[in-house]
Protein backbone atom coordinates (compact mmCIF):
# COMPACT_ATOMS: atom_id res chain seq x y z
CA MET A 1 94.91 94.09 96.95
CA LYS A 2 98.13 95.91 96.50
CA LEU A 3 100.55 95.59 93.60
CA LEU A 4 104.07 96.39 92.64
CA LEU A 5 104.45 96.96 88.80
CA ALA A 6 108.12 97.23 87.85
CA GLU A 7 108.04 98.22 84.04
CA ASP A 8 110.30 100.48 82.50
CA GLU A 9 108.47 101.35 79.50
CA ARG A 10 106.73 104.45 80.96
CA GLU A 11 103.97 104.45 78.63
CA LEU A 12 103.18 100.72 79.39
CA SER A 13 103.15 101.30 83.12
CA ALA A 14 100.95 104.17 83.00
CA ALA A 15 98.29 101.74 80.79
CA LEU A 16 98.55 98.87 82.99
CA CYS A 17 98.56 100.84 86.21
CA ALA A 18 95.30 102.26 84.84
CA ILE A 19 93.47 98.98 84.23
CA LEU A 20 95.07 97.49 87.46
CA ARG A 21 93.33 100.35 89.46
CA HIS A 22 90.53 99.89 87.55
CA ASN A 23 89.91 96.31 88.59
CA ASN A 24 90.46 97.47 92.17
CA TYR A 25 94.09 97.03 92.95
CA SER A 26 96.15 99.32 94.63
CA VAL A 27 99.41 99.61 92.44
CA ASP A 28 103.29 101.40 93.01
CA ALA A 29 104.96 101.76 89.76
CA VAL A 30 108.57 101.78 89.50
CA TYR A 31 110.69 101.96 86.14
CA ASP A 32 114.29 100.02 87.28
CA GLY A 33 115.75 96.85 89.14
CA GLU A 34 116.85 98.91 92.14
CA ASP A 35 113.79 100.45 92.93
CA ALA A 36 112.10 97.36 92.39
CA LEU A 37 113.93 95.97 95.23
CA ALA A 38 114.01 98.18 97.31
CA TYR A 39 110.05 98.71 97.47
CA ALA A 40 109.45 95.12 97.28
CA VAL A 41 111.79 94.75 100.39
CA SER A 42 110.37 97.90 102.40
CA GLY A 43 106.43 97.62 101.20
CA ASP A 44 103.60 95.56 101.87
CA TYR A 45 102.58 93.74 98.80
CA ASP A 46 100.51 91.35 98.08
CA GLY A 47 102.16 90.32 94.59
CA VAL A 48 104.86 91.91 92.29
CA ILE A 49 104.82 92.38 88.38
CA LEU A 50 108.05 92.17 87.26
CA ASP A 51 109.81 93.02 84.22
CA ILE A 52 112.84 91.04 83.20
CA MET A 53 114.54 93.84 81.19
CA LEU A 54 115.01 96.59 83.79
CA PRO A 55 117.68 99.25 83.81
CA ARG A 56 120.27 99.37 86.94
CA ARG A 57 119.60 95.21 87.78
CA ASP A 58 117.26 93.28 85.83
CA GLY A 59 114.37 91.36 86.98
CA VAL A 60 115.58 88.07 87.42
CA SER A 61 118.46 89.24 89.52
CA VAL A 62 115.97 91.38 91.61
CA LEU A 63 114.12 88.13 92.12
CA THR A 64 116.74 86.07 93.03
CA GLU A 65 117.59 88.45 96.04
CA LEU A 66 114.17 88.62 97.03
CA ARG A 67 114.24 84.98 97.60
CA ARG A 68 117.55 85.19 99.23
CA ARG A 69 116.20 87.31 101.93
CA GLY A 70 113.13 84.91 102.48
CA ILE A 71 110.68 87.23 100.75
CA ASP A 72 107.97 84.93 99.40
CA VAL A 73 105.91 87.64 97.83
CA PRO A 74 104.45 86.14 94.54
CA VAL A 75 105.96 87.33 91.68
CA LEU A 76 104.94 87.46 88.14
CA LEU A 77 107.77 87.67 85.48
CA LEU A 78 107.10 90.08 82.24
CA THR A 79 109.62 89.67 79.29
CA ALA A 80 109.87 90.00 75.73
CA LYS A 81 111.94 86.70 75.60
CA SER A 82 109.89 84.04 74.88
CA GLY A 83 112.49 80.96 75.20
CA VAL A 84 111.88 77.93 76.99
CA SER A 85 115.61 78.53 78.49
CA ASP A 86 114.30 82.06 79.90
CA ARG A 87 111.37 80.85 80.94
CA ILE A 88 112.82 78.10 83.29
CA ASN A 89 115.36 80.69 84.34
CA GLY A 90 112.79 83.04 85.66
CA LEU A 91 110.78 80.08 87.34
CA ASP A 92 114.16 78.35 88.64
CA ALA A 93 114.66 81.65 90.19
CA GLY A 94 111.16 81.70 92.22
CA ALA A 95 108.74 83.34 90.08
CA ASP A 96 105.32 82.09 90.45
CA ASP A 97 104.18 82.67 86.73
CA TYR A 98 105.62 84.13 83.25
CA LEU A 99 104.22 86.19 80.74
CA THR A 100 105.64 86.90 77.16
CA LYS A 101 105.15 90.42 75.66
CA PRO A 102 102.75 91.17 73.77
CA PHE A 103 100.03 90.02 76.15
CA ASP A 104 96.25 90.62 76.67
CA ILE A 105 95.25 92.06 79.16
CA GLY A 106 92.69 89.69 80.33
CA GLU A 107 95.20 87.03 80.39
CA LEU A 108 97.20 89.35 82.70
CA LEU A 109 94.40 89.86 84.98
CA ALA A 110 93.37 86.01 84.92
CA ARG A 111 97.18 84.87 86.26
CA ILE A 112 97.13 87.55 88.87
CA ARG A 113 94.02 86.36 90.31
CA ALA A 114 95.60 82.75 89.97
CA MET A 115 98.80 83.72 91.39
CA MET A 116 97.12 85.24 94.49
CA ARG A 117 94.90 81.99 95.15
CA ARG A 118 97.97 79.74 95.14
CA ARG A 119 99.57 82.11 97.77
CA THR A 120 96.73 83.83 100.04
CA PRO A 121 94.15 82.07 102.44
CA TYR A 122 90.59 81.56 100.50
CA ILE A 123 88.73 84.79 100.71
CA PRO A 124 84.84 84.43 99.72
CA ALA A 125 83.57 86.66 96.85
CA GLU A 126 81.19 87.95 99.49
CA LEU A 127 82.51 88.93 102.83
CA LYS A 128 80.31 89.25 105.95
CA TYR A 129 80.18 90.98 109.17
CA GLY A 130 77.23 91.65 111.36
CA ASN A 131 74.35 92.35 109.00
CA VAL A 132 76.81 93.80 106.49
CA ARG A 133 77.95 91.75 102.99
CA LEU A 134 80.07 93.15 100.84
CA ASN A 135 80.48 91.98 97.11
CA ARG A 136 83.95 91.73 96.40
CA ASP A 137 82.91 91.56 92.89
CA THR A 138 80.68 93.86 92.37
CA LEU A 139 81.74 96.35 94.90
CA GLU A 140 78.61 96.42 96.15
CA LEU A 141 78.01 97.37 99.96
CA SER A 142 74.56 95.93 101.78
CA VAL A 143 72.46 94.93 104.32
CA GLU A 144 70.44 92.39 105.43
CA GLY A 145 66.95 92.96 104.77
CA GLY A 146 67.73 96.35 104.20
CA GLY A 147 69.26 98.75 101.42
CA SER A 148 72.32 98.42 99.09
CA CYS A 149 74.90 100.60 97.50
CA ARG A 150 77.93 100.50 94.85
CA LEU A 151 80.80 101.96 96.82
CA GLY A 152 83.79 103.44 95.25
CA ASN A 153 87.16 102.27 94.51
CA ARG A 154 89.03 103.12 97.69
CA GLU A 155 85.59 103.13 99.89
CA PHE A 156 85.76 99.30 98.83
CA GLN A 157 89.34 98.82 99.61
CA MET A 158 88.92 100.38 102.87
CA LEU A 159 86.07 98.48 103.99
CA GLU A 160 87.01 95.21 102.82
CA MET A 161 90.63 95.50 104.85
CA MET A 162 88.20 96.30 108.00
CA MET A 163 85.63 93.22 106.91
CA GLN A 164 88.67 90.71 106.51
CA SER A 165 90.04 91.47 109.89
CA PRO A 166 87.01 92.55 112.07
CA GLN A 167 87.74 94.18 115.42
CA ARG A 168 91.48 94.58 114.15
CA VAL A 169 92.67 98.06 114.88
CA ILE A 170 94.32 99.36 111.34
CA SER A 171 96.33 102.60 111.20
CA THR A 172 96.30 105.96 108.83
CA GLU A 173 99.39 104.96 107.92
CA GLN A 174 98.27 101.07 106.82
CA PHE A 175 95.48 102.60 105.00
CA MET A 176 97.55 104.96 103.07
CA SER A 177 100.24 102.36 102.60
CA HIS A 178 98.35 99.73 101.19
CA ILE A 179 95.34 101.95 99.43
CA TRP A 180 97.23 105.07 98.05
CA GLY A 181 100.52 104.10 97.80
CA TYR A 182 104.00 105.29 99.02
CA ASP A 183 104.54 107.73 96.18
CA SER A 184 101.04 109.29 96.46
CA ASP A 185 100.84 113.03 97.02
CA ALA A 186 96.93 112.51 99.13
CA GLU A 187 97.22 114.23 102.08
CA ILE A 188 96.91 111.41 105.28
CA GLY A 189 93.70 113.52 106.21
CA VAL A 190 92.17 111.62 103.07
CA VAL A 191 91.92 108.63 104.98
CA TRP A 192 89.52 110.52 107.77
CA VAL A 193 87.20 111.60 104.61
CA TYR A 194 86.74 108.14 103.30
CA ILE A 195 86.03 106.82 106.81
CA SER A 196 83.24 109.63 106.85
CA HIS A 197 81.91 108.51 103.74
CA LEU A 198 81.63 105.25 104.79
CA ARG A 199 80.09 105.74 107.96
CA LYS A 200 77.61 107.32 106.57
CA LYS A 201 76.72 105.09 104.14
CA LEU A 202 76.55 102.03 106.55
CA ALA A 203 74.14 104.47 109.00
CA ALA A 204 71.94 105.14 105.97
CA LEU A 205 71.58 101.58 105.03
CA GLY A 206 70.80 100.66 108.61
CA ALA A 207 73.99 98.34 109.48
CA ASN A 208 74.68 96.94 113.04
CA VAL A 209 78.40 97.70 112.75
CA GLU A 210 80.21 100.60 113.25
CA ILE A 211 83.63 102.27 112.35
CA LYS A 212 85.37 102.91 115.48
CA ALA A 213 88.42 105.37 115.81
CA GLN A 214 91.13 104.69 118.49
CA ARG A 215 92.67 108.22 118.78
CA GLY A 216 96.11 108.32 117.63
CA VAL A 217 96.03 104.47 117.05
CA GLY A 218 93.73 103.68 114.22
CA TYR A 219 90.15 102.47 113.01
CA SER A 220 88.25 99.00 113.65
CA LEU A 221 84.91 97.54 112.01
CA GLU A 222 82.87 96.64 115.44
CA ILE A 223 79.33 95.57 116.10
CA LYS A 224 77.50 98.12 117.58
CA ARG A 225 77.56 97.77 121.18
CA GLU A 226 73.61 97.63 122.56
CA GLN A 227 73.51 94.79 119.83
CA LYS A 228 76.57 92.70 120.65
């Protein structure tokens, strides 16, 4: 899942990004309210973590504008203010949840998970397609009656996207945006590299599914033709 983090304290932002990525989230980081609004409007995010006290435009103002535009992405507000009136203002502006600094990282992760569950369709802990199983908790790829292996973070995220929508073509740009983020320095060819890794792992495990490419369009996960 892809998150937008708007936090002007650079060290805190860097630490939160590292923790979120370690927990299999893709993250774009911005440091002021104007960028937060621009990214949230133009990006494809599953959730937004938004500090209230941002330069250039405060978090509540950003949230109010998002809701005015009909953007219903889940938003978790972060703030050093602990007053009841501050929480009420944030929730009334359209926030899904509210967390006061300093906070425990475990609680932050739990609130993000809860926020996602409220707003997204139920996704089981184990995704299934053909004889392939992908465990979303352990990042383990396995084949019924065969072996298993643990995927790297980006391999997992790519296969997760394809297994959530099998047979749907996902463009290289969608992979780049959702997994690497808009500000990534990675070359677009990195998508092909990870696709190649996944193909080899699926074949080695004896999967009856394959990743098919449509030149100039993207990639999709399909049942192998001879086994349909």
